Protein backbone atom coordinates (compact mmCIF):
# COMPACT_ATOMS: atom_id res chain seq x y z
CA UNK A 1 0.00 0.00 0.00
CA UNK A 2 2.71 2.51 0.94
CA UNK A 3 4.96 1.37 -1.90
CA UNK A 4 2.13 1.88 -4.37
CA UNK A 5 1.53 5.37 -2.99
CA UNK A 6 5.24 6.20 -3.21
CA UNK A 7 5.42 5.05 -6.83
CA UNK A 8 2.16 6.45 -8.16
CA UNK A 9 1.34 9.57 -6.14
CA UNK A 10 2.26 13.01 -7.41
CA UNK A 11 2.40 14.27 -3.82
CA UNK A 12 4.86 11.54 -2.88
CA UNK A 13 7.01 12.41 -5.89
CA UNK A 14 7.27 16.02 -4.79
CA UNK A 15 7.92 15.10 -1.17
CA UNK A 16 10.69 12.70 -2.17
CA UNK A 17 12.17 15.32 -4.49
CA UNK A 18 12.29 17.87 -1.68
CA UNK A 19 13.79 15.31 0.67
CA UNK A 20 16.42 14.31 -1.90
CA UNK A 21 17.36 17.94 -2.57
CA UNK A 22 17.63 18.68 1.15
CA UNK A 23 19.83 15.65 1.85
CA UNK A 24 21.94 16.44 -1.22
CA UNK A 25 22.42 20.01 -0.06
CA UNK A 26 23.49 18.84 3.40
CA UNK A 27 26.02 16.37 1.96
CA UNK A 28 27.33 18.97 -0.50
CA UNK A 29 27.81 21.71 2.11
CA UNK A 30 29.33 19.31 4.63
CA UNK A 31 31.80 18.00 2.08
CA UNK A 32 32.62 21.46 0.78
CA UNK A 33 33.37 22.75 4.27
CA UNK A 34 35.78 19.84 4.70
CA UNK A 35 37.43 20.55 1.33
CA UNK A 36 37.90 24.26 2.00
CA UNK A 37 38.43 24.18 5.76
CA UNK A 38 40.74 21.24 6.03
CA UNK A 39 39.87 17.78 7.22
CA UNK A 40 41.83 15.24 9.23
CA UNK A 41 40.40 11.77 9.80
CA UNK A 42 43.20 10.72 12.15
CA UNK A 43 41.34 11.85 15.28
CA UNK A 44 38.21 9.90 14.36
CA UNK A 45 40.19 6.80 13.47
CA UNK A 46 42.18 6.93 16.71
CA UNK A 47 38.97 7.35 18.73
CA UNK A 48 37.29 4.47 16.95
CA UNK A 49 40.27 2.20 17.60
CA UNK A 50 40.19 3.14 21.28
CA UNK A 51 36.56 1.99 21.46
CA UNK A 52 37.31 -1.42 19.99
CA UNK A 53 38.55 -3.03 23.21
CA UNK A 54 37.17 -3.86 26.63
CA UNK A 55 34.22 -5.94 27.76
CA UNK A 56 31.64 -4.10 25.62
CA UNK A 57 33.40 -2.69 22.56
CA UNK A 58 31.54 -0.06 20.54
CA UNK A 59 33.55 -0.93 17.43
CA UNK A 60 33.48 -4.44 15.99
CA UNK A 61 36.75 -6.35 15.70
CA UNK A 62 36.73 -6.65 11.91
CA UNK A 63 36.15 -2.91 11.55
CA UNK A 64 38.90 -2.11 14.06
CA UNK A 65 41.24 -4.39 12.10
CA UNK A 66 40.41 -2.51 8.88
CA UNK A 67 40.96 0.83 10.58
CA UNK A 68 44.27 -0.24 12.10
CA UNK A 69 45.76 -1.96 9.04
CA UNK A 70 44.27 -0.03 6.13
CA UNK A 71 42.83 3.32 7.17
CA UNK A 72 45.44 4.54 9.66
CA UNK A 73 48.47 3.86 7.42
CA UNK A 74 46.66 5.60 4.55
CA UNK A 75 45.05 8.45 6.49
CA UNK A 76 46.27 10.95 3.88
CA UNK A 77 44.26 9.18 1.20
CA UNK A 78 41.17 9.08 3.42
CA UNK A 79 41.61 12.81 4.09
CA UNK A 80 41.07 13.31 0.36
CA UNK A 81 38.46 10.63 -0.33
CA UNK A 82 36.02 11.56 2.44
CA UNK A 83 35.50 15.28 1.63
CA UNK A 84 35.42 14.84 -2.13
CA UNK A 85 33.20 11.77 -1.78
CA UNK A 86 30.71 13.80 0.24
CA UNK A 87 30.72 16.56 -2.39
CA UNK A 88 30.13 14.04 -5.17
CA UNK A 89 27.32 12.27 -3.28
CA UNK A 90 25.67 15.64 -2.66
CA UNK A 91 25.91 16.58 -6.32
CA UNK A 92 24.57 13.19 -7.31
CA UNK A 93 21.55 13.58 -5.06
CA UNK A 94 20.85 17.09 -6.28
CA UNK A 95 21.39 16.47 -9.99
CA UNK A 96 20.53 12.78 -10.29
CA UNK A 97 17.36 10.94 -10.05
PDB file of N, CA and C in Angstrom:
ATOM      1  N   UNK A   1       0.815  -1.182   0.000  1.00  0.00           N
ATOM      2  CA  UNK A   1       0.000   0.000   0.000  1.00  0.00           C
ATOM      3  C   UNK A   1       0.871   1.263   0.000  1.00  0.00           C
ATOM      4  N   UNK A   2       1.843   1.334   0.887  1.00  0.00           N
ATOM      5  CA  UNK A   2       2.708   2.505   0.939  1.00  0.00           C
ATOM      6  C   UNK A   2       3.604   2.562  -0.290  1.00  0.00           C
ATOM      7  N   UNK A   3       4.093   1.404  -0.724  1.00  0.00           N
ATOM      8  CA  UNK A   3       4.961   1.371  -1.902  1.00  0.00           C
ATOM      9  C   UNK A   3       4.189   1.853  -3.123  1.00  0.00           C
ATOM     10  N   UNK A   4       2.961   1.446  -3.246  1.00  0.00           N
ATOM     11  CA  UNK A   4       2.135   1.885  -4.371  1.00  0.00           C
ATOM     12  C   UNK A   4       1.947   3.396  -4.325  1.00  0.00           C
ATOM     13  N   UNK A   5       1.692   3.932  -3.127  1.00  0.00           N
ATOM     14  CA  UNK A   5       1.530   5.375  -2.992  1.00  0.00           C
ATOM     15  C   UNK A   5       2.825   6.108  -3.354  1.00  0.00           C
ATOM     16  N   UNK A   6       3.966   5.576  -2.902  1.00  0.00           N
ATOM     17  CA  UNK A   6       5.242   6.204  -3.214  1.00  0.00           C
ATOM     18  C   UNK A   6       5.531   6.204  -4.715  1.00  0.00           C
ATOM     19  N   UNK A   7       5.139   5.167  -5.396  1.00  0.00           N
ATOM     20  CA  UNK A   7       5.422   5.049  -6.830  1.00  0.00           C
ATOM     21  C   UNK A   7       4.431   5.799  -7.714  1.00  0.00           C
ATOM     22  N   UNK A   8       3.196   5.936  -7.277  1.00  0.00           N
ATOM     23  CA  UNK A   8       2.157   6.453  -8.163  1.00  0.00           C
ATOM     24  C   UNK A   8       1.634   7.831  -7.786  1.00  0.00           C
ATOM     25  N   UNK A   9       1.913   8.312  -6.594  1.00  0.00           N
ATOM     26  CA  UNK A   9       1.343   9.567  -6.137  1.00  0.00           C
ATOM     27  C   UNK A   9       2.207  10.753  -6.544  1.00  0.00           C
ATOM     28  N   UNK A  10       1.563  11.787  -7.057  1.00  0.00           N
ATOM     29  CA  UNK A  10       2.262  13.010  -7.405  1.00  0.00           C
ATOM     30  C   UNK A  10       2.755  13.731  -6.148  1.00  0.00           C
ATOM     31  N   UNK A  11       1.992  13.665  -5.089  1.00  0.00           N
ATOM     32  CA  UNK A  11       2.401  14.275  -3.817  1.00  0.00           C
ATOM     33  C   UNK A  11       3.656  13.587  -3.279  1.00  0.00           C
ATOM     34  N   UNK A  12       3.681  12.278  -3.339  1.00  0.00           N
ATOM     35  CA  UNK A  12       4.857  11.537  -2.875  1.00  0.00           C
ATOM     36  C   UNK A  12       6.074  11.875  -3.720  1.00  0.00           C
ATOM     37  N   UNK A  13       5.888  12.046  -5.013  1.00  0.00           N
ATOM     38  CA  UNK A  13       7.009  12.408  -5.889  1.00  0.00           C
ATOM     39  C   UNK A  13       7.618  13.737  -5.478  1.00  0.00           C
ATOM     40  N   UNK A  14       6.774  14.717  -5.201  1.00  0.00           N
ATOM     41  CA  UNK A  14       7.271  16.024  -4.792  1.00  0.00           C
ATOM     42  C   UNK A  14       7.922  15.974  -3.415  1.00  0.00           C
ATOM     43  N   UNK A  15       7.332  15.224  -2.501  1.00  0.00           N
ATOM     44  CA  UNK A  15       7.922  15.099  -1.170  1.00  0.00           C
ATOM     45  C   UNK A  15       9.296  14.431  -1.234  1.00  0.00           C
ATOM     46  N   UNK A  16       9.404  13.379  -2.024  1.00  0.00           N
ATOM     47  CA  UNK A  16      10.693  12.697  -2.168  1.00  0.00           C
ATOM     48  C   UNK A  16      11.716  13.574  -2.870  1.00  0.00           C
ATOM     49  N   UNK A  17      11.264  14.387  -3.827  1.00  0.00           N
ATOM     50  CA  UNK A  17      12.170  15.319  -4.492  1.00  0.00           C
ATOM     51  C   UNK A  17      12.719  16.329  -3.490  1.00  0.00           C
ATOM     52  N   UNK A  18      11.843  16.905  -2.686  1.00  0.00           N
ATOM     53  CA  UNK A  18      12.291  17.870  -1.678  1.00  0.00           C
ATOM     54  C   UNK A  18      13.243  17.234  -0.675  1.00  0.00           C
ATOM     55  N   UNK A  19      12.928  16.025  -0.260  1.00  0.00           N
ATOM     56  CA  UNK A  19      13.794  15.313   0.673  1.00  0.00           C
ATOM     57  C   UNK A  19      15.159  15.039   0.052  1.00  0.00           C
ATOM     58  N   UNK A  20      15.164  14.590  -1.208  1.00  0.00           N
ATOM     59  CA  UNK A  20      16.420  14.307  -1.901  1.00  0.00           C
ATOM     60  C   UNK A  20      17.261  15.561  -2.072  1.00  0.00           C
ATOM     61  N   UNK A  21      16.629  16.682  -2.408  1.00  0.00           N
ATOM     62  CA  UNK A  21      17.363  17.936  -2.566  1.00  0.00           C
ATOM     63  C   UNK A  21      17.931  18.417  -1.240  1.00  0.00           C
ATOM     64  N   UNK A  22      17.159  18.277  -0.172  1.00  0.00           N
ATOM     65  CA  UNK A  22      17.631  18.681   1.151  1.00  0.00           C
ATOM     66  C   UNK A  22      18.832  17.839   1.589  1.00  0.00           C
ATOM     67  N   UNK A  23      18.729  16.537   1.460  1.00  0.00           N
ATOM     68  CA  UNK A  23      19.830  15.652   1.854  1.00  0.00           C
ATOM     69  C   UNK A  23      21.052  15.912   0.972  1.00  0.00           C
ATOM     70  N   UNK A  24      20.836  16.118  -0.326  1.00  0.00           N
ATOM     71  CA  UNK A  24      21.938  16.435  -1.224  1.00  0.00           C
ATOM     72  C   UNK A  24      22.634  17.729  -0.851  1.00  0.00           C
ATOM     73  N   UNK A  25      21.849  18.738  -0.485  1.00  0.00           N
ATOM     74  CA  UNK A  25      22.416  20.015  -0.059  1.00  0.00           C
ATOM     75  C   UNK A  25      23.253  19.838   1.211  1.00  0.00           C
ATOM     76  N   UNK A  26      22.747  19.070   2.154  1.00  0.00           N
ATOM     77  CA  UNK A  26      23.488  18.842   3.400  1.00  0.00           C
ATOM     78  C   UNK A  26      24.810  18.121   3.135  1.00  0.00           C
ATOM     79  N   UNK A  27      24.788  17.089   2.293  1.00  0.00           N
ATOM     80  CA  UNK A  27      26.021  16.371   1.959  1.00  0.00           C
ATOM     81  C   UNK A  27      26.991  17.297   1.223  1.00  0.00           C
ATOM     82  N   UNK A  28      26.477  18.073   0.285  1.00  0.00           N
ATOM     83  CA  UNK A  28      27.330  18.968  -0.496  1.00  0.00           C
ATOM     84  C   UNK A  28      27.990  20.010   0.394  1.00  0.00           C
ATOM     85  N   UNK A  29      27.225  20.666   1.253  1.00  0.00           N
ATOM     86  CA  UNK A  29      27.808  21.705   2.111  1.00  0.00           C
ATOM     87  C   UNK A  29      28.753  21.115   3.150  1.00  0.00           C
ATOM     88  N   UNK A  30      28.429  19.943   3.664  1.00  0.00           N
ATOM     89  CA  UNK A  30      29.327  19.306   4.630  1.00  0.00           C
ATOM     90  C   UNK A  30      30.650  18.939   3.972  1.00  0.00           C
ATOM     91  N   UNK A  31      30.578  18.354   2.797  1.00  0.00           N
ATOM     92  CA  UNK A  31      31.803  17.998   2.080  1.00  0.00           C
ATOM     93  C   UNK A  31      32.602  19.213   1.675  1.00  0.00           C
ATOM     94  N   UNK A  32      31.916  20.265   1.217  1.00  0.00           N
ATOM     95  CA  UNK A  32      32.623  21.462   0.780  1.00  0.00           C
ATOM     96  C   UNK A  32      33.335  22.145   1.944  1.00  0.00           C
ATOM     97  N   UNK A  33      32.700  22.145   3.112  1.00  0.00           N
ATOM     98  CA  UNK A  33      33.369  22.749   4.274  1.00  0.00           C
ATOM     99  C   UNK A  33      34.615  21.955   4.655  1.00  0.00           C
ATOM    100  N   UNK A  34      34.595  20.644   4.427  1.00  0.00           N
ATOM    101  CA  UNK A  34      35.784  19.835   4.700  1.00  0.00           C
ATOM    102  C   UNK A  34      36.860  20.075   3.643  1.00  0.00           C
ATOM    103  N   UNK A  35      36.455  20.284   2.390  1.00  0.00           N
ATOM    104  CA  UNK A  35      37.430  20.546   1.328  1.00  0.00           C
ATOM    105  C   UNK A  35      38.113  21.884   1.548  1.00  0.00           C
ATOM    106  N   UNK A  36      37.335  22.918   1.878  1.00  0.00           N
ATOM    107  CA  UNK A  36      37.897  24.260   2.001  1.00  0.00           C
ATOM    108  C   UNK A  36      38.487  24.540   3.380  1.00  0.00           C
ATOM    109  N   UNK A  37      37.969  23.886   4.409  1.00  0.00           N
ATOM    110  CA  UNK A  37      38.427  24.183   5.760  1.00  0.00           C
ATOM    111  C   UNK A  37      39.440  23.210   6.310  1.00  0.00           C
ATOM    112  N   UNK A  38      39.810  22.255   5.540  1.00  0.00           N
ATOM    113  CA  UNK A  38      40.742  21.243   6.026  1.00  0.00           C
ATOM    114  C   UNK A  38      40.014  20.131   6.764  1.00  0.00           C
ATOM    115  N   UNK A  39      40.497  18.949   6.621  1.00  0.00           N
ATOM    116  CA  UNK A  39      39.870  17.779   7.224  1.00  0.00           C
ATOM    117  C   UNK A  39      40.969  16.806   7.592  1.00  0.00           C
ATOM    118  N   UNK A  40      40.865  16.247   8.785  1.00  0.00           N
ATOM    119  CA  UNK A  40      41.831  15.244   9.225  1.00  0.00           C
ATOM    120  C   UNK A  40      41.073  14.105   9.898  1.00  0.00           C
ATOM    121  N   UNK A  41      41.117  12.941   9.292  1.00  0.00           N
ATOM    122  CA  UNK A  41      40.397  11.774   9.803  1.00  0.00           C
ATOM    123  C   UNK A  41      41.154  11.050  10.901  1.00  0.00           C
ATOM    124  N   UNK A  42      42.376  11.448  11.183  1.00  0.00           N
ATOM    125  CA  UNK A  42      43.199  10.724  12.155  1.00  0.00           C
ATOM    126  C   UNK A  42      42.566  10.707  13.540  1.00  0.00           C
ATOM    127  N   UNK A  43      41.971  11.796  13.960  1.00  0.00           N
ATOM    128  CA  UNK A  43      41.338  11.850  15.280  1.00  0.00           C
ATOM    129  C   UNK A  43      40.180  10.878  15.393  1.00  0.00           C
ATOM    130  N   UNK A  44      39.327  10.835  14.360  1.00  0.00           N
ATOM    131  CA  UNK A  44      38.210   9.903  14.356  1.00  0.00           C
ATOM    132  C   UNK A  44      38.697   8.466  14.374  1.00  0.00           C
ATOM    133  N   UNK A  45      39.687   8.167  13.555  1.00  0.00           N
ATOM    134  CA  UNK A  45      40.193   6.796  13.471  1.00  0.00           C
ATOM    135  C   UNK A  45      40.821   6.358  14.792  1.00  0.00           C
ATOM    136  N   UNK A  46      41.577   7.243  15.417  1.00  0.00           N
ATOM    137  CA  UNK A  46      42.177   6.926  16.711  1.00  0.00           C
ATOM    138  C   UNK A  46      41.113   6.681  17.766  1.00  0.00           C
ATOM    139  N   UNK A  47      40.070   7.521  17.775  1.00  0.00           N
ATOM    140  CA  UNK A  47      38.973   7.354  18.726  1.00  0.00           C
ATOM    141  C   UNK A  47      38.214   6.063  18.506  1.00  0.00           C
ATOM    142  N   UNK A  48      37.996   5.717  17.251  1.00  0.00           N
ATOM    143  CA  UNK A  48      37.288   4.469  16.948  1.00  0.00           C
ATOM    144  C   UNK A  48      38.112   3.259  17.380  1.00  0.00           C
ATOM    145  N   UNK A  49      39.411   3.308  17.166  1.00  0.00           N
ATOM    146  CA  UNK A  49      40.268   2.201  17.598  1.00  0.00           C
ATOM    147  C   UNK A  49      40.283   2.067  19.111  1.00  0.00           C
ATOM    148  N   UNK A  50      40.207   3.188  19.815  1.00  0.00           N
ATOM    149  CA  UNK A  50      40.192   3.140  21.277  1.00  0.00           C
ATOM    150  C   UNK A  50      38.915   2.496  21.801  1.00  0.00           C
ATOM    151  N   UNK A  51      37.841   2.575  21.039  1.00  0.00           N
ATOM    152  CA  UNK A  51      36.560   1.995  21.464  1.00  0.00           C
ATOM    153  C   UNK A  51      36.382   0.550  21.027  1.00  0.00           C
ATOM    154  N   UNK A  52      37.430  -0.058  20.485  1.00  0.00           N
ATOM    155  CA  UNK A  52      37.307  -1.422  19.990  1.00  0.00           C
ATOM    156  C   UNK A  52      37.699  -2.474  21.023  1.00  0.00           C
ATOM    157  N   UNK A  53      38.138  -2.067  22.192  1.00  0.00           N
ATOM    158  CA  UNK A  53      38.550  -3.025  23.213  1.00  0.00           C
ATOM    159  C   UNK A  53      37.614  -3.015  24.409  1.00  0.00           C
ATOM    160  N   UNK A  54      37.942  -3.810  25.394  1.00  0.00           N
ATOM    161  CA  UNK A  54      37.171  -3.864  26.626  1.00  0.00           C
ATOM    162  C   UNK A  54      36.088  -4.931  26.595  1.00  0.00           C
ATOM    163  N   UNK A  55      35.281  -4.947  27.646  1.00  0.00           N
ATOM    164  CA  UNK A  55      34.218  -5.945  27.763  1.00  0.00           C
ATOM    165  C   UNK A  55      33.083  -5.706  26.783  1.00  0.00           C
ATOM    166  N   UNK A  56      32.748  -4.448  26.510  1.00  0.00           N
ATOM    167  CA  UNK A  56      31.637  -4.103  25.616  1.00  0.00           C
ATOM    168  C   UNK A  56      32.127  -3.114  24.561  1.00  0.00           C
ATOM    169  N   UNK A  57      32.840  -3.608  23.555  1.00  0.00           N
ATOM    170  CA  UNK A  57      33.399  -2.689  22.555  1.00  0.00           C
ATOM    171  C   UNK A  57      32.298  -2.060  21.698  1.00  0.00           C
ATOM    172  N   UNK A  58      32.470  -0.782  21.406  1.00  0.00           N
ATOM    173  CA  UNK A  58      31.536  -0.065  20.543  1.00  0.00           C
ATOM    174  C   UNK A  58      31.875  -0.269  19.073  1.00  0.00           C
ATOM    175  N   UNK A  59      33.089  -0.713  18.794  1.00  0.00           N
ATOM    176  CA  UNK A  59      33.549  -0.932  17.427  1.00  0.00           C
ATOM    177  C   UNK A  59      33.854  -2.416  17.257  1.00  0.00           C
ATOM    178  N   UNK A  60      33.284  -3.011  16.232  1.00  0.00           N
ATOM    179  CA  UNK A  60      33.479  -4.442  15.985  1.00  0.00           C
ATOM    180  C   UNK A  60      34.933  -4.738  15.624  1.00  0.00           C
ATOM    181  N   UNK A  61      35.364  -5.948  15.916  1.00  0.00           N
ATOM    182  CA  UNK A  61      36.747  -6.346  15.698  1.00  0.00           C
ATOM    183  C   UNK A  61      37.195  -6.260  14.259  1.00  0.00           C
ATOM    184  N   UNK A  62      36.349  -6.691  13.322  1.00  0.00           N
ATOM    185  CA  UNK A  62      36.734  -6.654  11.910  1.00  0.00           C
ATOM    186  C   UNK A  62      36.893  -5.214  11.429  1.00  0.00           C
ATOM    187  N   UNK A  63      36.049  -4.313  11.938  1.00  0.00           N
ATOM    188  CA  UNK A  63      36.151  -2.912  11.551  1.00  0.00           C
ATOM    189  C   UNK A  63      37.404  -2.283  12.164  1.00  0.00           C
ATOM    190  N   UNK A  64      37.693  -2.623  13.409  1.00  0.00           N
ATOM    191  CA  UNK A  64      38.896  -2.112  14.058  1.00  0.00           C
ATOM    192  C   UNK A  64      40.141  -2.605  13.324  1.00  0.00           C
ATOM    193  N   UNK A  65      40.113  -3.842  12.861  1.00  0.00           N
ATOM    194  CA  UNK A  65      41.241  -4.387  12.103  1.00  0.00           C
ATOM    195  C   UNK A  65      41.435  -3.614  10.796  1.00  0.00           C
ATOM    196  N   UNK A  66      40.333  -3.309  10.111  1.00  0.00           N
ATOM    197  CA  UNK A  66      40.406  -2.511   8.882  1.00  0.00           C
ATOM    198  C   UNK A  66      40.973  -1.122   9.173  1.00  0.00           C
ATOM    199  N   UNK A  67      40.483  -0.502  10.230  1.00  0.00           N
ATOM    200  CA  UNK A  67      40.959   0.832  10.576  1.00  0.00           C
ATOM    201  C   UNK A  67      42.449   0.830  10.905  1.00  0.00           C
ATOM    202  N   UNK A  68      42.877  -0.179  11.659  1.00  0.00           N
ATOM    203  CA  UNK A  68      44.266  -0.244  12.097  1.00  0.00           C
ATOM    204  C   UNK A  68      45.224  -0.555  10.956  1.00  0.00           C
ATOM    205  N   UNK A  69      44.838  -1.486  10.065  1.00  0.00           N
ATOM    206  CA  UNK A  69      45.765  -1.961   9.040  1.00  0.00           C
ATOM    207  C   UNK A  69      45.616  -1.285   7.682  1.00  0.00           C
ATOM    208  N   UNK A  70      44.476  -0.655   7.427  1.00  0.00           N
ATOM    209  CA  UNK A  70      44.266  -0.029   6.129  1.00  0.00           C
ATOM    210  C   UNK A  70      44.090   1.489   6.260  1.00  0.00           C
ATOM    211  N   UNK A  71      43.167   1.901   7.107  1.00  0.00           N
ATOM    212  CA  UNK A  71      42.827   3.323   7.170  1.00  0.00           C
ATOM    213  C   UNK A  71      43.923   4.168   7.828  1.00  0.00           C
ATOM    214  N   UNK A  72      44.421   3.742   8.960  1.00  0.00           N
ATOM    215  CA  UNK A  72      45.439   4.537   9.658  1.00  0.00           C
ATOM    216  C   UNK A  72      46.730   4.705   8.842  1.00  0.00           C
ATOM    217  N   UNK A  73      47.254   3.650   8.223  1.00  0.00           N
ATOM    218  CA  UNK A  73      48.467   3.862   7.416  1.00  0.00           C
ATOM    219  C   UNK A  73      48.223   4.745   6.188  1.00  0.00           C
ATOM    220  N   UNK A  74      46.987   4.827   5.737  1.00  0.00           N
ATOM    221  CA  UNK A  74      46.656   5.603   4.546  1.00  0.00           C
ATOM    222  C   UNK A  74      45.738   6.778   4.884  1.00  0.00           C
ATOM    223  N   UNK A  75      45.933   7.382   6.042  1.00  0.00           N
ATOM    224  CA  UNK A  75      45.047   8.451   6.487  1.00  0.00           C
ATOM    225  C   UNK A  75      45.077   9.636   5.521  1.00  0.00           C
ATOM    226  N   UNK A  76      46.185   9.873   4.876  1.00  0.00           N
ATOM    227  CA  UNK A  76      46.266  10.953   3.881  1.00  0.00           C
ATOM    228  C   UNK A  76      45.314  10.740   2.727  1.00  0.00           C
ATOM    229  N   UNK A  77      45.194   9.500   2.277  1.00  0.00           N
ATOM    230  CA  UNK A  77      44.255   9.180   1.202  1.00  0.00           C
ATOM    231  C   UNK A  77      42.814   9.364   1.673  1.00  0.00           C
ATOM    232  N   UNK A  78      42.518   8.932   2.882  1.00  0.00           N
ATOM    233  CA  UNK A  78      41.168   9.084   3.421  1.00  0.00           C
ATOM    234  C   UNK A  78      40.826  10.558   3.639  1.00  0.00           C
ATOM    235  N   UNK A  79      41.838  11.380   3.936  1.00  0.00           N
ATOM    236  CA  UNK A  79      41.610  12.812   4.089  1.00  0.00           C
ATOM    237  C   UNK A  79      41.205  13.467   2.773  1.00  0.00           C
ATOM    238  N   UNK A  80      41.486  12.823   1.667  1.00  0.00           N
ATOM    239  CA  UNK A  80      41.067  13.312   0.355  1.00  0.00           C
ATOM    240  C   UNK A  80      39.743  12.665  -0.061  1.00  0.00           C
ATOM    241  N   UNK A  81      39.640  11.356   0.132  1.00  0.00           N
ATOM    242  CA  UNK A  81      38.457  10.631  -0.334  1.00  0.00           C
ATOM    243  C   UNK A  81      37.168  11.045   0.373  1.00  0.00           C
ATOM    244  N   UNK A  82      37.236  11.262   1.674  1.00  0.00           N
ATOM    245  CA  UNK A  82      36.020  11.561   2.441  1.00  0.00           C
ATOM    246  C   UNK A  82      35.399  12.895   2.018  1.00  0.00           C
ATOM    247  N   UNK A  83      36.138  14.011   2.012  1.00  0.00           N
ATOM    248  CA  UNK A  83      35.498  15.276   1.629  1.00  0.00           C
ATOM    249  C   UNK A  83      35.008  15.295   0.186  1.00  0.00           C
ATOM    250  N   UNK A  84      35.841  14.818  -0.739  1.00  0.00           N
ATOM    251  CA  UNK A  84      35.421  14.838  -2.134  1.00  0.00           C
ATOM    252  C   UNK A  84      34.311  13.822  -2.397  1.00  0.00           C
ATOM    253  N   UNK A  85      34.305  12.719  -1.674  1.00  0.00           N
ATOM    254  CA  UNK A  85      33.203  11.765  -1.780  1.00  0.00           C
ATOM    255  C   UNK A  85      31.893  12.377  -1.325  1.00  0.00           C
ATOM    256  N   UNK A  86      31.930  13.143  -0.231  1.00  0.00           N
ATOM    257  CA  UNK A  86      30.715  13.803   0.241  1.00  0.00           C
ATOM    258  C   UNK A  86      30.217  14.828  -0.768  1.00  0.00           C
ATOM    259  N   UNK A  87      31.127  15.576  -1.372  1.00  0.00           N
ATOM    260  CA  UNK A  87      30.722  16.557  -2.388  1.00  0.00           C
ATOM    261  C   UNK A  87      30.073  15.841  -3.571  1.00  0.00           C
ATOM    262  N   UNK A  88      30.670  14.758  -4.014  1.00  0.00           N
ATOM    263  CA  UNK A  88      30.129  14.037  -5.173  1.00  0.00           C
ATOM    264  C   UNK A  88      28.786  13.384  -4.869  1.00  0.00           C
ATOM    265  N   UNK A  89      28.616  12.849  -3.665  1.00  0.00           N
ATOM    266  CA  UNK A  89      27.318  12.271  -3.281  1.00  0.00           C
ATOM    267  C   UNK A  89      26.262  13.370  -3.249  1.00  0.00           C
ATOM    268  N   UNK A  90      26.612  14.525  -2.694  1.00  0.00           N
ATOM    269  CA  UNK A  90      25.674  15.644  -2.656  1.00  0.00           C
ATOM    270  C   UNK A  90      25.260  16.081  -4.035  1.00  0.00           C
ATOM    271  N   UNK A  91      26.238  16.208  -4.934  1.00  0.00           N
ATOM    272  CA  UNK A  91      25.909  16.578  -6.320  1.00  0.00           C
ATOM    273  C   UNK A  91      25.049  15.522  -6.996  1.00  0.00           C
ATOM    274  N   UNK A  92      25.361  14.265  -6.729  1.00  0.00           N
ATOM    275  CA  UNK A  92      24.573  13.189  -7.307  1.00  0.00           C
ATOM    276  C   UNK A  92      23.121  13.216  -6.852  1.00  0.00           C
ATOM    277  N   UNK A  93      22.917  13.500  -5.581  1.00  0.00           N
ATOM    278  CA  UNK A  93      21.550  13.576  -5.062  1.00  0.00           C
ATOM    279  C   UNK A  93      20.813  14.782  -5.628  1.00  0.00           C
ATOM    280  N   UNK A  94      21.499  15.897  -5.784  1.00  0.00           N
ATOM    281  CA  UNK A  94      20.845  17.092  -6.279  1.00  0.00           C
ATOM    282  C   UNK A  94      20.563  16.988  -7.781  1.00  0.00           C
ATOM    283  N   UNK A  95      21.525  16.501  -8.536  1.00  0.00           N
ATOM    284  CA  UNK A  95      21.386  16.469  -9.993  1.00  0.00           C
ATOM    285  C   UNK A  95      20.771  15.174 -10.528  1.00  0.00           C
ATOM    286  N   UNK A  96      20.967  14.089  -9.795  1.00  0.00           N
ATOM    287  CA  UNK A  96      20.533  12.780 -10.292  1.00  0.00           C
ATOM    288  C   UNK A  96      19.094  12.489 -10.002  1.00  0.00           C
ATOM    289  N   UNK A  97      18.748  11.316 -10.293  1.00  0.00           N
ATOM    290  CA  UNK A  97      17.362  10.944 -10.050  1.00  0.00           C
ATOM    291  C   UNK A  97      17.324   9.575  -9.558  1.00  0.00           C
TER     292      UNK A  97
END
